[in-house]
Amino acid sequence: MILSSKPSEIFQERLRTAREFRELSQGELAQRASLQASAVSHFETGTRKPSFDNLKRLADALRVTTDYLLGRSDDMEGSATSADMLHRRYSGLSTEYQEMADEFIKMLAEKANRKKSKGE
């Protein structure tokens, strides 16, 4: 994909690309980001620009970095950012809930390994 040279156009394209990559409608993204669906539409068409807080909400909801949305990075996945976000959430849990999270992650990893070994 060829990106426009204007930062605001890059943002519009990146927002739409990330939303479509995550297979979300504008309404679904808006709900995840605690925004109005019309706001997402305005951001994608360029009729409005997001505040810093809304930019961060959109990035978190799409599991991308703000740098990706702003065109400062081409790494959509932002794996370090996802890991950092997970770590921050985990750190805020009580010991009891951390143990529950550990068991849940272990279960998910085992399930993924079973699928891999079956060739799914």
Protein backbone atom coordinates (compact mmCIF):
# COMPACT_ATOMS: atom_id res chain seq x y z
CA MET A 1 0.00 0.00 0.00
CA ILE A 2 1.34 3.45 -0.90
CA LEU A 3 0.78 5.94 1.86
CA SER A 4 0.02 9.60 1.30
CA SER A 5 2.62 12.13 2.30
CA LYS A 6 0.35 14.21 4.54
CA PRO A 7 0.35 12.98 8.16
CA SER A 8 -3.43 13.39 8.51
CA GLU A 9 -3.99 11.24 5.41
CA ILE A 10 -1.57 8.64 6.68
CA PHE A 11 -3.57 8.46 9.92
CA GLN A 12 -6.86 8.00 8.02
CA GLU A 13 -5.38 5.19 5.92
CA ARG A 14 -3.68 3.48 8.84
CA LEU A 15 -6.81 3.64 11.00
CA ARG A 16 -8.95 2.06 8.27
CA THR A 17 -6.26 -0.54 7.45
CA ALA A 18 -5.86 -1.59 11.08
CA ARG A 19 -9.64 -1.72 11.62
CA GLU A 20 -10.13 -3.89 8.55
CA PHE A 21 -7.16 -6.09 9.50
CA ARG A 22 -8.81 -6.74 12.88
CA GLU A 23 -12.09 -7.40 11.03
CA LEU A 24 -14.00 -4.74 12.94
CA SER A 25 -16.77 -2.48 11.73
CA GLN A 26 -16.57 1.19 12.63
CA GLY A 27 -19.23 0.58 15.27
CA GLU A 28 -17.33 -2.33 16.81
CA LEU A 29 -14.13 -0.30 16.95
CA ALA A 30 -16.00 2.61 18.48
CA GLN A 31 -17.45 0.36 21.17
CA ARG A 32 -14.03 -1.11 22.02
CA ALA A 33 -12.50 2.36 22.16
CA SER A 34 -15.41 3.88 24.13
CA LEU A 35 -16.17 6.31 21.31
CA GLN A 36 -19.17 7.12 19.16
CA ALA A 37 -19.32 5.27 15.83
CA SER A 38 -19.66 8.64 14.10
CA ALA A 39 -16.31 9.69 15.62
CA VAL A 40 -14.55 6.71 14.01
CA SER A 41 -16.20 7.56 10.71
CA HIS A 42 -15.06 11.19 10.99
CA PHE A 43 -11.49 10.09 11.81
CA GLU A 44 -11.39 7.75 8.80
CA THR A 45 -12.72 10.38 6.42
CA GLY A 46 -10.50 13.11 7.82
CA THR A 47 -13.31 15.45 8.80
CA ARG A 48 -12.09 15.29 12.42
CA LYS A 49 -8.76 14.61 14.04
CA PRO A 50 -8.60 12.60 17.27
CA SER A 51 -7.39 14.04 20.55
CA PHE A 52 -4.37 12.38 22.10
CA ASP A 53 -6.66 10.44 24.45
CA ASN A 54 -8.80 9.20 21.57
CA LEU A 55 -5.70 8.28 19.55
CA LYS A 56 -4.51 6.16 22.46
CA ARG A 57 -7.95 4.54 22.84
CA LEU A 58 -8.03 3.67 19.14
CA ALA A 59 -4.52 2.21 19.24
CA ASP A 60 -5.33 0.11 22.31
CA ALA A 61 -8.61 -1.13 20.82
CA LEU A 62 -6.84 -2.09 17.58
CA ARG A 63 -3.79 -3.54 19.39
CA VAL A 64 -1.42 -1.33 17.41
CA THR A 65 0.93 1.45 18.43
CA THR A 66 0.10 5.11 18.15
CA ASP A 67 3.30 5.37 16.09
CA TYR A 68 1.80 2.95 13.55
CA LEU A 69 -1.41 5.00 13.30
CA LEU A 70 0.60 8.20 12.88
CA GLY A 71 2.85 6.71 10.20
CA ARG A 72 6.00 6.81 12.35
CA SER A 73 6.32 3.01 12.29
CA ASP A 74 5.32 0.33 9.81
CA ASP A 75 4.98 -2.34 12.54
CA MET A 76 1.22 -2.82 12.89
CA GLU A 77 1.44 -5.64 15.38
CA GLY A 78 3.51 -3.72 17.92
CA SER A 79 4.32 -6.95 19.76
CA ALA A 80 6.35 -5.18 22.43
CA THR A 81 3.47 -2.82 23.07
CA SER A 82 1.01 -5.71 23.40
CA ALA A 83 3.33 -7.46 25.84
CA ASP A 84 3.78 -4.24 27.80
CA MET A 85 0.02 -3.72 28.01
CA LEU A 86 -0.49 -7.31 29.14
CA HIS A 87 2.25 -6.92 31.76
CA ARG A 88 0.71 -3.70 33.11
CA ARG A 89 -2.69 -5.35 33.45
CA TYR A 90 -1.21 -8.48 35.02
CA SER A 91 0.81 -6.42 37.51
CA GLY A 92 -2.37 -4.71 38.70
CA LEU A 93 -4.01 -7.99 39.65
CA SER A 94 -4.08 -9.52 43.10
CA THR A 95 -2.02 -12.66 43.64
CA GLU A 96 -5.17 -14.76 43.42
CA TYR A 97 -6.09 -13.30 40.04
CA GLN A 98 -2.51 -13.55 38.77
CA GLU A 99 -2.62 -17.28 39.53
CA MET A 100 -5.92 -17.57 37.65
CA ALA A 101 -4.41 -15.67 34.70
CA ASP A 102 -1.39 -17.99 34.73
CA GLU A 103 -3.65 -21.05 34.56
CA PHE A 104 -5.72 -19.52 31.76
CA ILE A 105 -2.63 -18.68 29.70
CA LYS A 106 -1.25 -22.16 30.28
CA MET A 107 -4.56 -23.66 29.07
CA LEU A 108 -4.53 -21.47 25.94
CA ALA A 109 -0.92 -22.41 25.14
CA GLU A 110 -1.69 -26.11 25.52
CA LYS A 111 -4.73 -25.77 23.25
CA ALA A 112 -2.66 -23.95 20.62
CA ASN A 113 0.02 -26.65 20.80
CA ARG A 114 -2.59 -29.38 20.31
CA LYS A 115 -3.95 -27.58 17.24
CA LYS A 116 -0.43 -27.23 15.82
CA SER A 117 0.35 -30.90 16.33
CA LYS A 118 -2.90 -31.86 14.57
CA GLY A 119 -2.01 -29.55 11.68
CA GLU A 120 -5.08 -27.33 12.06
